[in-house]
Amino acid sequence: MIPVKVCCIQDEAEARLAIEHGARALGFVSAMPSGWGPIPEARIAEIKRTVPPFVSSVFLTSATEPERVADQLRRSGCEMVQLCDHFPDDGYAFLREQIPGVRILKAVHVVGDEAVEAARALAPKVDAVLLDTGNPDAHVKVLGGTGKTHDWNVSARVVEALDSPVVLAGGLRPDNVAAAVRKVRPWAIDLCTGVRTDTKLDAAKLAAFFGALRGLGE
């Protein structure tokens, strides 16, 4: 089955629930300019300590200064980072020097066709490109957690253009994830609000989501 990252984890119980249903990675959202799901960095570190070793922990940050991101990672204990905003070209190598073994995801917000070239330029610097719904150039930046889909035709062109892993995010739910995977053919998928009810992780929605993926076969 395609790897799944369940994002916006709020507490230890949600972490366990996501893993029980098949999550290969958990996302922990630090401070963001907008969107749903951030929790204090101290809580991220506490929850991370309860995550079993074969499940990846991903620290989401809106910080754009490499030194600050490195400090956040050290405090969190997470082995992966998801950079959600603009980031300097020399910052990726800096993070790898400061945090040996770190795996880097970088969000490309699919606003239009320009996402294809943005992803192509970014791919050599990171371990995976994550395609999300948002706009980092808006007056109030939108960096994810919108619960909205974007143009999967553009996302599919990104996957075709890259040899490296692409993660699809943005508005994925039990009723649309199979269509999204068939259309885009991503390496992995990422979700947050689509398996929640009144902000709480919903076991029935999780079961339906993973069931839809298993229905796709290998």
N, C-alpha and C. Protein backbone atom coordinates (compact mmCIF):
# COMPACT_ATOMS: atom_id res chain seq x y z
N MET A 1 0.83 -1.20 0.00
CA MET A 1 0.00 0.00 0.00
C MET A 1 0.87 1.25 0.00
N ILE A 2 0.40 2.28 -0.66
CA ILE A 2 1.14 3.53 -0.73
C ILE A 2 1.37 4.08 0.69
N PRO A 3 2.58 4.59 0.99
CA PRO A 3 2.83 5.13 2.33
C PRO A 3 1.94 6.34 2.62
N VAL A 4 1.50 6.44 3.87
CA VAL A 4 0.61 7.52 4.31
C VAL A 4 1.21 8.23 5.51
N LYS A 5 1.22 9.56 5.44
CA LYS A 5 1.55 10.39 6.59
C LYS A 5 0.27 11.03 7.11
N VAL A 6 -0.05 10.77 8.37
CA VAL A 6 -1.18 11.43 9.01
C VAL A 6 -0.64 12.64 9.76
N CYS A 7 -1.12 13.80 9.38
CA CYS A 7 -0.55 15.04 9.89
C CYS A 7 -1.45 15.68 10.95
N CYS A 8 -0.93 16.75 11.53
CA CYS A 8 -1.66 17.56 12.53
C CYS A 8 -1.96 16.75 13.79
N ILE A 9 -1.08 15.81 14.14
CA ILE A 9 -1.27 15.01 15.34
C ILE A 9 -1.30 15.93 16.57
N GLN A 10 -2.31 15.71 17.42
CA GLN A 10 -2.53 16.60 18.56
C GLN A 10 -2.07 16.03 19.90
N ASP A 11 -2.05 14.72 20.03
CA ASP A 11 -1.67 14.14 21.32
C ASP A 11 -1.26 12.67 21.12
N GLU A 12 -0.89 12.04 22.23
CA GLU A 12 -0.41 10.66 22.17
C GLU A 12 -1.49 9.70 21.68
N ALA A 13 -2.73 9.94 22.06
CA ALA A 13 -3.82 9.06 21.64
C ALA A 13 -4.01 9.12 20.13
N GLU A 14 -3.93 10.31 19.54
CA GLU A 14 -4.05 10.42 18.09
C GLU A 14 -2.89 9.73 17.39
N ALA A 15 -1.70 9.85 17.95
CA ALA A 15 -0.54 9.16 17.37
C ALA A 15 -0.78 7.66 17.33
N ARG A 16 -1.25 7.09 18.44
CA ARG A 16 -1.50 5.65 18.48
C ARG A 16 -2.59 5.25 17.49
N LEU A 17 -3.64 6.05 17.40
CA LEU A 17 -4.75 5.74 16.51
C LEU A 17 -4.30 5.73 15.05
N ALA A 18 -3.52 6.72 14.67
CA ALA A 18 -3.03 6.79 13.28
C ALA A 18 -2.14 5.59 12.96
N ILE A 19 -1.27 5.22 13.89
CA ILE A 19 -0.37 4.09 13.66
C ILE A 19 -1.16 2.78 13.57
N GLU A 20 -2.15 2.61 14.43
CA GLU A 20 -2.96 1.39 14.42
C GLU A 20 -3.65 1.18 13.06
N HIS A 21 -4.00 2.27 12.40
CA HIS A 21 -4.70 2.16 11.13
C HIS A 21 -3.75 2.05 9.94
N GLY A 22 -2.45 2.25 10.16
CA GLY A 22 -1.50 2.02 9.08
C GLY A 22 -0.61 3.18 8.70
N ALA A 23 -0.62 4.28 9.46
CA ALA A 23 0.25 5.41 9.13
C ALA A 23 1.71 5.02 9.21
N ARG A 24 2.46 5.39 8.18
CA ARG A 24 3.91 5.15 8.17
C ARG A 24 4.67 6.35 8.72
N ALA A 25 4.00 7.50 8.78
CA ALA A 25 4.63 8.71 9.30
C ALA A 25 3.58 9.55 9.99
N LEU A 26 4.01 10.32 10.98
CA LEU A 26 3.15 11.25 11.70
C LEU A 26 3.69 12.66 11.52
N GLY A 27 2.80 13.61 11.31
CA GLY A 27 3.21 15.00 11.15
C GLY A 27 2.83 15.83 12.36
N PHE A 28 3.78 16.63 12.83
CA PHE A 28 3.57 17.50 13.99
C PHE A 28 3.78 18.95 13.54
N VAL A 29 2.73 19.75 13.67
CA VAL A 29 2.73 21.10 13.12
C VAL A 29 3.12 22.10 14.20
N SER A 30 4.21 22.83 13.97
CA SER A 30 4.58 23.93 14.86
C SER A 30 3.87 25.21 14.39
N ALA A 31 4.23 26.34 14.97
CA ALA A 31 3.52 27.59 14.70
C ALA A 31 3.45 27.90 13.21
N MET A 32 2.25 28.28 12.75
CA MET A 32 1.99 28.63 11.37
C MET A 32 1.23 29.95 11.30
N PRO A 33 1.36 30.68 10.18
CA PRO A 33 0.63 31.95 10.06
C PRO A 33 -0.87 31.77 9.89
N SER A 34 -1.31 30.59 9.45
CA SER A 34 -2.73 30.30 9.29
C SER A 34 -2.88 28.78 9.22
N GLY A 35 -4.13 28.32 9.16
CA GLY A 35 -4.36 26.89 9.02
C GLY A 35 -4.59 26.21 10.35
N TRP A 36 -4.97 24.94 10.26
CA TRP A 36 -5.37 24.19 11.44
C TRP A 36 -4.27 23.24 11.89
N GLY A 37 -4.16 23.06 13.21
CA GLY A 37 -3.36 21.96 13.72
C GLY A 37 -2.10 22.24 14.51
N PRO A 38 -1.58 23.50 14.57
CA PRO A 38 -0.33 23.69 15.32
C PRO A 38 -0.48 23.37 16.80
N ILE A 39 0.59 22.82 17.37
CA ILE A 39 0.67 22.60 18.81
C ILE A 39 2.03 23.12 19.28
N PRO A 40 2.20 23.38 20.58
CA PRO A 40 3.48 23.90 21.08
C PRO A 40 4.63 22.93 20.81
N GLU A 41 5.81 23.49 20.59
CA GLU A 41 6.97 22.65 20.31
C GLU A 41 7.28 21.68 21.45
N ALA A 42 7.05 22.10 22.67
CA ALA A 42 7.30 21.21 23.80
C ALA A 42 6.40 19.98 23.76
N ARG A 43 5.15 20.17 23.32
CA ARG A 43 4.24 19.03 23.19
C ARG A 43 4.68 18.10 22.07
N ILE A 44 5.19 18.68 20.97
CA ILE A 44 5.68 17.84 19.88
C ILE A 44 6.76 16.90 20.40
N ALA A 45 7.70 17.44 21.17
CA ALA A 45 8.79 16.62 21.70
C ALA A 45 8.26 15.53 22.62
N GLU A 46 7.25 15.85 23.42
CA GLU A 46 6.67 14.85 24.33
C GLU A 46 6.00 13.72 23.56
N ILE A 47 5.20 14.07 22.56
CA ILE A 47 4.50 13.04 21.79
C ILE A 47 5.49 12.22 20.98
N LYS A 48 6.49 12.88 20.41
CA LYS A 48 7.50 12.17 19.61
C LYS A 48 8.15 11.05 20.41
N ARG A 49 8.36 11.25 21.70
CA ARG A 49 9.02 10.23 22.50
C ARG A 49 8.19 8.96 22.64
N THR A 50 6.90 9.02 22.31
CA THR A 50 6.04 7.84 22.41
C THR A 50 5.89 7.12 21.06
N VAL A 51 6.46 7.66 20.00
CA VAL A 51 6.30 7.09 18.67
C VAL A 51 7.28 5.93 18.49
N PRO A 52 6.81 4.76 18.05
CA PRO A 52 7.71 3.61 17.88
C PRO A 52 8.75 3.86 16.80
N PRO A 53 9.86 3.14 16.85
CA PRO A 53 11.02 3.46 16.00
C PRO A 53 10.81 3.28 14.51
N PHE A 54 9.86 2.45 14.08
CA PHE A 54 9.69 2.24 12.65
C PHE A 54 8.60 3.12 12.04
N VAL A 55 8.16 4.12 12.79
CA VAL A 55 7.23 5.13 12.28
C VAL A 55 7.97 6.46 12.29
N SER A 56 7.98 7.15 11.15
CA SER A 56 8.72 8.41 11.03
C SER A 56 7.94 9.56 11.66
N SER A 57 8.68 10.47 12.28
CA SER A 57 8.10 11.67 12.86
C SER A 57 8.57 12.88 12.07
N VAL A 58 7.61 13.68 11.61
CA VAL A 58 7.90 14.81 10.72
C VAL A 58 7.54 16.11 11.43
N PHE A 59 8.51 16.99 11.54
CA PHE A 59 8.30 18.30 12.18
C PHE A 59 8.00 19.32 11.09
N LEU A 60 6.80 19.92 11.13
CA LEU A 60 6.42 20.93 10.14
C LEU A 60 6.73 22.32 10.69
N THR A 61 7.40 23.12 9.88
CA THR A 61 7.80 24.46 10.31
C THR A 61 7.56 25.48 9.22
N SER A 62 7.19 26.69 9.66
CA SER A 62 7.07 27.84 8.75
C SER A 62 8.31 28.72 8.81
N ALA A 63 9.29 28.33 9.64
CA ALA A 63 10.51 29.13 9.76
C ALA A 63 11.28 29.12 8.44
N THR A 64 11.91 30.23 8.14
CA THR A 64 12.67 30.35 6.90
C THR A 64 14.17 30.53 7.16
N GLU A 65 14.58 30.55 8.42
CA GLU A 65 15.98 30.70 8.76
C GLU A 65 16.57 29.32 9.08
N PRO A 66 17.58 28.87 8.35
CA PRO A 66 18.13 27.53 8.58
C PRO A 66 18.55 27.28 10.02
N GLU A 67 19.16 28.27 10.66
CA GLU A 67 19.60 28.08 12.04
C GLU A 67 18.43 27.81 12.96
N ARG A 68 17.34 28.52 12.76
CA ARG A 68 16.15 28.33 13.60
C ARG A 68 15.55 26.96 13.37
N VAL A 69 15.48 26.52 12.12
CA VAL A 69 14.92 25.20 11.83
C VAL A 69 15.78 24.11 12.47
N ALA A 70 17.09 24.24 12.39
CA ALA A 70 17.97 23.25 13.02
C ALA A 70 17.73 23.18 14.52
N ASP A 71 17.55 24.33 15.16
CA ASP A 71 17.27 24.35 16.60
C ASP A 71 15.93 23.68 16.90
N GLN A 72 14.92 23.95 16.07
CA GLN A 72 13.61 23.31 16.27
C GLN A 72 13.72 21.80 16.19
N LEU A 73 14.47 21.32 15.20
CA LEU A 73 14.62 19.88 15.03
C LEU A 73 15.33 19.24 16.22
N ARG A 74 16.36 19.88 16.71
CA ARG A 74 17.08 19.34 17.86
C ARG A 74 16.14 19.21 19.06
N ARG A 75 15.34 20.24 19.30
CA ARG A 75 14.43 20.21 20.45
C ARG A 75 13.33 19.16 20.29
N SER A 76 12.87 18.99 19.07
CA SER A 76 11.73 18.09 18.84
C SER A 76 12.10 16.62 18.89
N GLY A 77 13.32 16.30 18.46
CA GLY A 77 13.71 14.91 18.33
C GLY A 77 13.24 14.25 17.05
N CYS A 78 12.51 14.99 16.20
CA CYS A 78 12.01 14.41 14.94
C CYS A 78 13.14 14.19 13.96
N GLU A 79 13.04 13.11 13.19
CA GLU A 79 14.09 12.77 12.24
C GLU A 79 13.82 13.31 10.84
N MET A 80 12.63 13.89 10.65
CA MET A 80 12.29 14.48 9.36
C MET A 80 11.76 15.89 9.58
N VAL A 81 11.93 16.74 8.57
CA VAL A 81 11.41 18.10 8.64
C VAL A 81 10.64 18.38 7.36
N GLN A 82 9.53 19.07 7.51
CA GLN A 82 8.75 19.54 6.36
C GLN A 82 8.80 21.06 6.36
N LEU A 83 9.48 21.61 5.36
CA LEU A 83 9.64 23.06 5.23
C LEU A 83 8.44 23.57 4.44
N CYS A 84 7.65 24.43 5.06
CA CYS A 84 6.36 24.83 4.49
C CYS A 84 6.39 26.18 3.80
N ASP A 85 7.43 26.97 4.03
CA ASP A 85 7.51 28.31 3.45
C ASP A 85 8.74 28.38 2.54
N HIS A 86 8.98 29.56 1.97
CA HIS A 86 10.19 29.76 1.19
C HIS A 86 11.41 29.44 2.05
N PHE A 87 12.47 28.94 1.42
CA PHE A 87 13.66 28.54 2.16
C PHE A 87 14.87 28.82 1.29
N PRO A 88 15.97 29.33 1.89
CA PRO A 88 17.14 29.68 1.08
C PRO A 88 17.81 28.46 0.46
N ASP A 89 18.36 28.63 -0.73
CA ASP A 89 18.96 27.52 -1.46
C ASP A 89 20.08 26.85 -0.69
N ASP A 90 20.85 27.64 0.07
CA ASP A 90 21.96 27.05 0.82
C ASP A 90 21.53 26.47 2.16
N GLY A 91 20.26 26.61 2.49
CA GLY A 91 19.78 26.13 3.78
C GLY A 91 19.66 24.63 3.88
N TYR A 92 19.45 23.96 2.75
CA TYR A 92 19.28 22.50 2.78
C TYR A 92 20.58 21.81 3.19
N ALA A 93 21.69 22.23 2.59
CA ALA A 93 22.98 21.66 2.96
C ALA A 93 23.32 21.98 4.42
N PHE A 94 22.96 23.18 4.86
CA PHE A 94 23.20 23.57 6.25
C PHE A 94 22.47 22.63 7.20
N LEU A 95 21.20 22.33 6.91
CA LEU A 95 20.45 21.42 7.78
C LEU A 95 21.09 20.04 7.82
N ARG A 96 21.57 19.56 6.69
CA ARG A 96 22.19 18.23 6.65
C ARG A 96 23.49 18.21 7.44
N GLU A 97 24.22 19.33 7.43
CA GLU A 97 25.45 19.42 8.22
C GLU A 97 25.16 19.47 9.71
N GLN A 98 24.13 20.22 10.07
CA GLN A 98 23.81 20.42 11.49
C GLN A 98 23.07 19.23 12.10
N ILE A 99 22.24 18.56 11.30
CA ILE A 99 21.42 17.45 11.79
C ILE A 99 21.73 16.23 10.94
N PRO A 100 22.80 15.51 11.22
CA PRO A 100 23.17 14.35 10.39
C PRO A 100 22.02 13.35 10.27
N GLY A 101 21.77 12.90 9.06
CA GLY A 101 20.73 11.92 8.82
C GLY A 101 19.34 12.48 8.64
N VAL A 102 19.18 13.81 8.78
CA VAL A 102 17.85 14.39 8.63
C VAL A 102 17.32 14.16 7.23
N ARG A 103 16.02 13.89 7.14
CA ARG A 103 15.36 13.80 5.84
C ARG A 103 14.48 15.03 5.65
N ILE A 104 14.56 15.62 4.48
CA ILE A 104 13.94 16.92 4.24
C ILE A 104 12.82 16.80 3.21
N LEU A 105 11.62 17.23 3.62
CA LEU A 105 10.50 17.41 2.71
C LEU A 105 10.31 18.91 2.49
N LYS A 106 10.01 19.30 1.28
CA LYS A 106 9.76 20.72 1.01
C LYS A 106 8.42 20.84 0.29
N ALA A 107 7.57 21.69 0.82
CA ALA A 107 6.26 21.91 0.22
C ALA A 107 6.37 22.80 -1.02
N VAL A 108 5.70 22.38 -2.07
CA VAL A 108 5.45 23.22 -3.24
C VAL A 108 3.94 23.40 -3.29
N HIS A 109 3.49 24.64 -3.20
CA HIS A 109 2.07 24.92 -3.19
C HIS A 109 1.59 25.07 -4.63
N VAL A 110 0.64 24.23 -4.98
CA VAL A 110 0.21 24.14 -6.37
C VAL A 110 -0.83 25.23 -6.63
N VAL A 111 -0.33 26.38 -7.08
CA VAL A 111 -1.20 27.51 -7.43
C VAL A 111 -1.47 27.50 -8.93
N GLY A 112 -0.49 27.05 -9.71
CA GLY A 112 -0.63 27.01 -11.16
C GLY A 112 0.47 26.18 -11.77
N ASP A 113 0.63 26.31 -13.09
CA ASP A 113 1.60 25.49 -13.81
C ASP A 113 3.04 25.72 -13.36
N GLU A 114 3.30 26.87 -12.74
CA GLU A 114 4.67 27.16 -12.30
C GLU A 114 5.16 26.16 -11.25
N ALA A 115 4.25 25.41 -10.65
CA ALA A 115 4.64 24.42 -9.66
C ALA A 115 5.54 23.34 -10.26
N VAL A 116 5.38 23.07 -11.55
CA VAL A 116 6.19 22.02 -12.17
C VAL A 116 7.66 22.41 -12.17
N GLU A 117 7.96 23.61 -12.61
CA GLU A 117 9.36 24.04 -12.64
C GLU A 117 9.90 24.26 -11.24
N ALA A 118 9.06 24.75 -10.32
CA ALA A 118 9.50 24.92 -8.94
C ALA A 118 9.91 23.58 -8.34
N ALA A 119 9.11 22.55 -8.58
CA ALA A 119 9.44 21.23 -8.06
C ALA A 119 10.69 20.66 -8.71
N ARG A 120 10.83 20.89 -10.01
CA ARG A 120 12.00 20.38 -10.73
C ARG A 120 13.29 21.00 -10.17
N ALA A 121 13.27 22.29 -9.87
CA ALA A 121 14.45 22.97 -9.33
C ALA A 121 14.75 22.52 -7.91
N LEU A 122 13.71 22.20 -7.18
CA LEU A 122 13.86 21.85 -5.77
C LEU A 122 14.31 20.41 -5.54
N ALA A 123 13.90 19.52 -6.40
CA ALA A 123 14.07 18.08 -6.17
C ALA A 123 15.49 17.65 -5.81
N PRO A 124 16.55 18.17 -6.45
CA PRO A 124 17.90 17.71 -6.10
C PRO A 124 18.33 18.06 -4.68
N LYS A 125 17.66 19.00 -4.05
CA LYS A 125 18.08 19.49 -2.73
C LYS A 125 17.40 18.75 -1.59
N VAL A 126 16.32 18.02 -1.87
CA VAL A 126 15.50 17.47 -0.80
C VAL A 126 15.30 15.97 -0.99
N ASP A 127 14.73 15.33 0.01
CA ASP A 127 14.44 13.90 -0.08
C ASP A 127 13.10 13.63 -0.74
N ALA A 128 12.19 14.57 -0.64
CA ALA A 128 10.90 14.44 -1.31
C ALA A 128 10.28 15.82 -1.46
N VAL A 129 9.53 15.98 -2.54
CA VAL A 129 8.74 17.19 -2.77
C VAL A 129 7.31 16.88 -2.34
N LEU A 130 6.71 17.78 -1.57
CA LEU A 130 5.34 17.61 -1.12
C LEU A 130 4.46 18.64 -1.80
N LEU A 131 3.46 18.18 -2.52
CA LEU A 131 2.54 19.06 -3.25
C LEU A 131 1.33 19.32 -2.38
N ASP A 132 1.08 20.60 -2.08
CA ASP A 132 0.01 20.95 -1.15
C ASP A 132 -0.80 22.10 -1.72
N THR A 133 -1.94 22.35 -1.08
CA THR A 133 -2.79 23.48 -1.41
C THR A 133 -2.41 24.64 -0.51
N GLY A 134 -2.18 25.79 -1.10
CA GLY A 134 -1.82 26.96 -0.30
C GLY A 134 -1.24 28.05 -1.16
N ASN A 135 -0.79 29.11 -0.50
CA ASN A 135 -0.19 30.24 -1.20
C ASN A 135 0.74 30.97 -0.24
N PRO A 136 2.05 30.70 -0.31
CA PRO A 136 2.99 31.37 0.60
C PRO A 136 3.19 32.84 0.30
N ASP A 137 2.66 33.32 -0.82
CA ASP A 137 2.81 34.73 -1.18
C ASP A 137 1.56 35.56 -0.88
N ALA A 138 0.55 34.94 -0.27
CA ALA A 138 -0.65 35.67 0.11
C ALA A 138 -0.34 36.65 1.24
N HIS A 139 -1.22 37.65 1.44
CA HIS A 139 -1.02 38.64 2.50
C HIS A 139 -0.89 37.94 3.86
N VAL A 140 -1.79 37.01 4.14
CA VAL A 140 -1.63 36.09 5.27
C VAL A 140 -1.28 34.75 4.65
N LYS A 141 -0.06 34.30 4.86
CA LYS A 141 0.42 33.10 4.18
C LYS A 141 -0.47 31.88 4.48
N VAL A 142 -0.74 31.11 3.44
CA VAL A 142 -1.47 29.85 3.56
C VAL A 142 -0.50 28.74 3.22
N LEU A 143 -0.07 27.99 4.23
CA LEU A 143 1.00 27.02 4.06
C LEU A 143 0.54 25.57 4.20
N GLY A 144 -0.78 25.35 4.26
CA GLY A 144 -1.30 24.00 4.37
C GLY A 144 -2.43 23.93 5.37
N GLY A 145 -2.92 22.73 5.59
CA GLY A 145 -4.02 22.54 6.53
C GLY A 145 -5.32 23.17 6.08
N THR A 146 -5.49 23.32 4.77
CA THR A 146 -6.67 24.01 4.24
C THR A 146 -7.89 23.10 4.11
N GLY A 147 -7.66 21.80 3.98
CA GLY A 147 -8.76 20.90 3.70
C GLY A 147 -9.28 21.00 2.28
N LYS A 148 -8.52 21.68 1.40
CA LYS A 148 -8.95 21.90 0.02
C LYS A 148 -7.99 21.20 -0.95
N THR A 149 -8.57 20.69 -2.03
CA THR A 149 -7.74 20.10 -3.07
C THR A 149 -7.20 21.18 -3.99
N HIS A 150 -6.25 20.82 -4.83
CA HIS A 150 -5.75 21.71 -5.87
C HIS A 150 -5.86 20.97 -7.21
N ASP A 151 -5.25 21.51 -8.23
CA ASP A 151 -5.38 20.93 -9.57
C ASP A 151 -4.49 19.69 -9.68
N TRP A 152 -5.10 18.52 -9.64
CA TRP A 152 -4.33 17.28 -9.71
C TRP A 152 -3.67 17.09 -11.07
N ASN A 153 -4.15 17.76 -12.09
CA ASN A 153 -3.49 17.67 -13.40
C ASN A 153 -2.07 18.23 -13.31
N VAL A 154 -1.92 19.35 -12.58
CA VAL A 154 -0.58 19.92 -12.38
C VAL A 154 0.27 18.96 -11.54
N SER A 155 -0.32 18.42 -10.49
CA SER A 155 0.42 17.48 -9.63
C SER A 155 0.90 16.27 -10.43
N ALA A 156 0.05 15.77 -11.32
CA ALA A 156 0.45 14.63 -12.15
C ALA A 156 1.62 14.98 -13.04
N ARG A 157 1.67 16.21 -13.55
CA ARG A 157 2.79 16.63 -14.39
C ARG A 157 4.07 16.74 -13.57
N VAL A 158 3.96 17.13 -12.30
CA VAL A 158 5.13 17.16 -11.43
C VAL A 158 5.69 15.75 -11.27
N VAL A 159 4.82 14.79 -10.99
CA VAL A 159 5.28 13.40 -10.82
C VAL A 159 5.96 12.91 -12.08
N GLU A 160 5.41 13.23 -13.24
CA GLU A 160 6.01 12.81 -14.50
C GLU A 160 7.37 13.46 -14.73
N ALA A 161 7.54 14.68 -14.22
CA ALA A 161 8.77 15.44 -14.48
C ALA A 161 9.92 15.04 -13.56
N LEU A 162 9.62 14.41 -12.42
CA LEU A 162 10.65 14.13 -11.42
C LEU A 162 10.97 12.65 -11.34
N ASP A 163 12.22 12.35 -11.04
CA ASP A 163 12.63 10.98 -10.74
C ASP A 163 12.61 10.71 -9.24
N SER A 164 12.51 11.76 -8.44
CA SER A 164 12.55 11.63 -6.99
C SER A 164 11.14 11.56 -6.41
N PRO A 165 11.00 11.17 -5.14
CA PRO A 165 9.67 10.97 -4.54
C PRO A 165 8.84 12.25 -4.49
N VAL A 166 7.55 12.09 -4.74
CA VAL A 166 6.57 13.18 -4.63
C VAL A 166 5.46 12.73 -3.69
N VAL A 167 5.15 13.57 -2.72
CA VAL A 167 4.08 13.31 -1.76
C VAL A 167 2.91 14.22 -2.10
N LEU A 168 1.71 13.67 -2.17
CA LEU A 168 0.52 14.46 -2.48
C LEU A 168 -0.24 14.77 -1.20
N ALA A 169 -0.56 16.04 -1.01
CA ALA A 169 -1.35 16.51 0.13
C ALA A 169 -2.44 17.44 -0.40
N GLY A 170 -3.31 17.86 0.51
CA GLY A 170 -4.30 18.86 0.16
C GLY A 170 -5.70 18.30 -0.06
N GLY A 171 -6.52 18.34 1.00
CA GLY A 171 -7.93 18.01 0.86
C GLY A 171 -8.24 16.56 0.57
N LEU A 172 -7.35 15.64 0.93
CA LEU A 172 -7.60 14.22 0.67
C LEU A 172 -8.53 13.65 1.74
N ARG A 173 -9.53 12.88 1.27
CA ARG A 173 -10.56 12.32 2.14
C ARG A 173 -10.84 10.87 1.71
N PRO A 174 -11.59 10.12 2.53
CA PRO A 174 -11.90 8.75 2.13
C PRO A 174 -12.59 8.65 0.77
N ASP A 175 -13.39 9.67 0.41
CA ASP A 175 -14.16 9.59 -0.83
C ASP A 175 -13.41 10.07 -2.06
N ASN A 176 -12.23 10.63 -1.90
CA ASN A 176 -11.51 11.12 -3.10
C ASN A 176 -10.08 10.62 -3.21
N VAL A 177 -9.58 9.92 -2.20
CA VAL A 177 -8.16 9.56 -2.21
C VAL A 177 -7.84 8.56 -3.31
N ALA A 178 -8.74 7.63 -3.58
CA ALA A 178 -8.46 6.65 -4.64
C ALA A 178 -8.33 7.36 -5.99
N ALA A 179 -9.22 8.30 -6.27
CA ALA A 179 -9.15 9.04 -7.53
C ALA A 179 -7.88 9.86 -7.60
N ALA A 180 -7.48 10.44 -6.48
CA ALA A 180 -6.25 11.25 -6.45
C ALA A 180 -5.03 10.40 -6.76
N VAL A 181 -4.95 9.22 -6.15
CA VAL A 181 -3.79 8.35 -6.38
C VAL A 181 -3.77 7.87 -7.83
N ARG A 182 -4.91 7.51 -8.36
CA ARG A 182 -4.96 7.06 -9.76
C ARG A 182 -4.53 8.18 -10.72
N LYS A 183 -4.93 9.41 -10.42
CA LYS A 183 -4.62 10.53 -11.31
C LYS A 183 -3.17 10.96 -11.19
N VAL A 184 -2.67 11.12 -9.98
CA VAL A 184 -1.37 11.74 -9.76
C VAL A 184 -0.24 10.71 -9.72
N ARG A 185 -0.49 9.52 -9.21
CA ARG A 185 0.53 8.49 -9.03
C ARG A 185 1.68 8.96 -8.13
N PRO A 186 1.36 9.50 -6.95
CA PRO A 186 2.43 9.97 -6.06
C PRO A 186 3.14 8.79 -5.40
N TRP A 187 4.30 9.08 -4.82
CA TRP A 187 5.04 8.08 -4.05
C TRP A 187 4.38 7.84 -2.70
N ALA A 188 3.81 8.90 -2.10
CA ALA A 188 3.14 8.81 -0.80
C ALA A 188 2.06 9.88 -0.74
N ILE A 189 1.20 9.77 0.27
CA ILE A 189 0.16 10.78 0.46
C ILE A 189 0.17 11.27 1.90
N ASP A 190 -0.43 12.45 2.07
CA ASP A 190 -0.40 13.16 3.35
C ASP A 190 -1.79 13.72 3.59
N LEU A 191 -2.30 13.57 4.79
CA LEU A 191 -3.64 14.09 5.08
C LEU A 191 -3.72 14.61 6.49
N CYS A 192 -4.73 15.47 6.70
CA CYS A 192 -4.96 16.04 8.03
C CYS A 192 -6.45 16.12 8.31
N THR A 193 -7.11 17.13 7.76
CA THR A 193 -8.51 17.40 8.12
C THR A 193 -9.48 16.37 7.57
N GLY A 194 -9.11 15.66 6.52
CA GLY A 194 -10.03 14.74 5.86
C GLY A 194 -10.41 13.52 6.67
N VAL A 195 -9.72 13.27 7.78
CA VAL A 195 -10.07 12.14 8.65
C VAL A 195 -10.37 12.64 10.07
N ARG A 196 -10.90 13.85 10.14
CA ARG A 196 -11.25 14.43 11.43
C ARG A 196 -12.72 14.80 11.48
N THR A 197 -13.29 14.76 12.69
CA THR A 197 -14.64 15.22 12.95
C THR A 197 -14.58 16.16 14.14
N ASP A 198 -15.02 17.40 13.92
CA ASP A 198 -14.93 18.42 14.98
C ASP A 198 -13.50 18.52 15.52
N THR A 199 -12.54 18.50 14.61
CA THR A 199 -11.09 18.62 14.85
C THR A 199 -10.46 17.36 15.44
N LYS A 200 -11.23 16.37 15.81
CA LYS A 200 -10.69 15.15 16.44
C LYS A 200 -10.45 14.08 15.38
N LEU A 201 -9.33 13.38 15.50
CA LEU A 201 -9.06 12.27 14.60
C LEU A 201 -10.15 11.22 14.77
N ASP A 202 -10.75 10.81 13.65
CA ASP A 202 -11.94 9.97 13.64
C ASP A 202 -11.56 8.56 13.19
N ALA A 203 -11.74 7.58 14.07
CA ALA A 203 -11.34 6.21 13.76
C ALA A 203 -12.10 5.66 12.55
N ALA A 204 -13.38 5.97 12.44
CA ALA A 204 -14.16 5.47 11.31
C ALA A 204 -13.67 6.06 9.99
N LYS A 205 -13.35 7.33 9.99
CA LYS A 205 -12.84 7.97 8.77
C LYS A 205 -11.45 7.44 8.42
N LEU A 206 -10.63 7.21 9.44
CA LEU A 206 -9.32 6.61 9.18
C LEU A 206 -9.48 5.24 8.54
N ALA A 207 -10.38 4.42 9.09
CA ALA A 207 -10.59 3.08 8.54
C ALA A 207 -11.07 3.16 7.09
N ALA A 208 -11.96 4.10 6.81
CA ALA A 208 -12.47 4.26 5.44
C ALA A 208 -11.36 4.73 4.51
N PHE A 209 -10.51 5.62 4.99
CA PHE A 209 -9.42 6.15 4.17
C PHE A 209 -8.45 5.04 3.79
N PHE A 210 -7.98 4.30 4.79
CA PHE A 210 -7.03 3.23 4.51
C PHE A 210 -7.70 2.10 3.72
N GLY A 211 -8.98 1.90 3.94
CA GLY A 211 -9.69 0.91 3.16
C GLY A 211 -9.74 1.27 1.69
N ALA A 212 -9.94 2.57 1.41
CA ALA A 212 -9.95 3.02 0.02
C ALA A 212 -8.60 2.79 -0.64
N LEU A 213 -7.53 2.98 0.10
CA LEU A 213 -6.19 2.76 -0.45
C LEU A 213 -5.94 1.27 -0.68
N ARG A 214 -6.35 0.44 0.25
CA ARG A 214 -6.15 -0.99 0.08
C ARG A 214 -6.95 -1.51 -1.12
N GLY A 215 -8.08 -0.85 -1.39
CA GLY A 215 -8.87 -1.24 -2.54
C GLY A 215 -8.20 -1.00 -3.86
N LEU A 216 -7.16 -0.17 -3.85
CA LEU A 216 -6.42 0.08 -5.09
C LEU A 216 -5.50 -1.08 -5.46
N GLY A 217 -5.21 -1.94 -4.49
CA GLY A 217 -4.27 -3.04 -4.75
C GLY A 217 -2.86 -2.52 -4.76
N GLU A 218 -1.95 -3.36 -5.13
CA GLU A 218 -0.53 -3.01 -5.18
C GLU A 218 -0.19 -2.27 -6.47
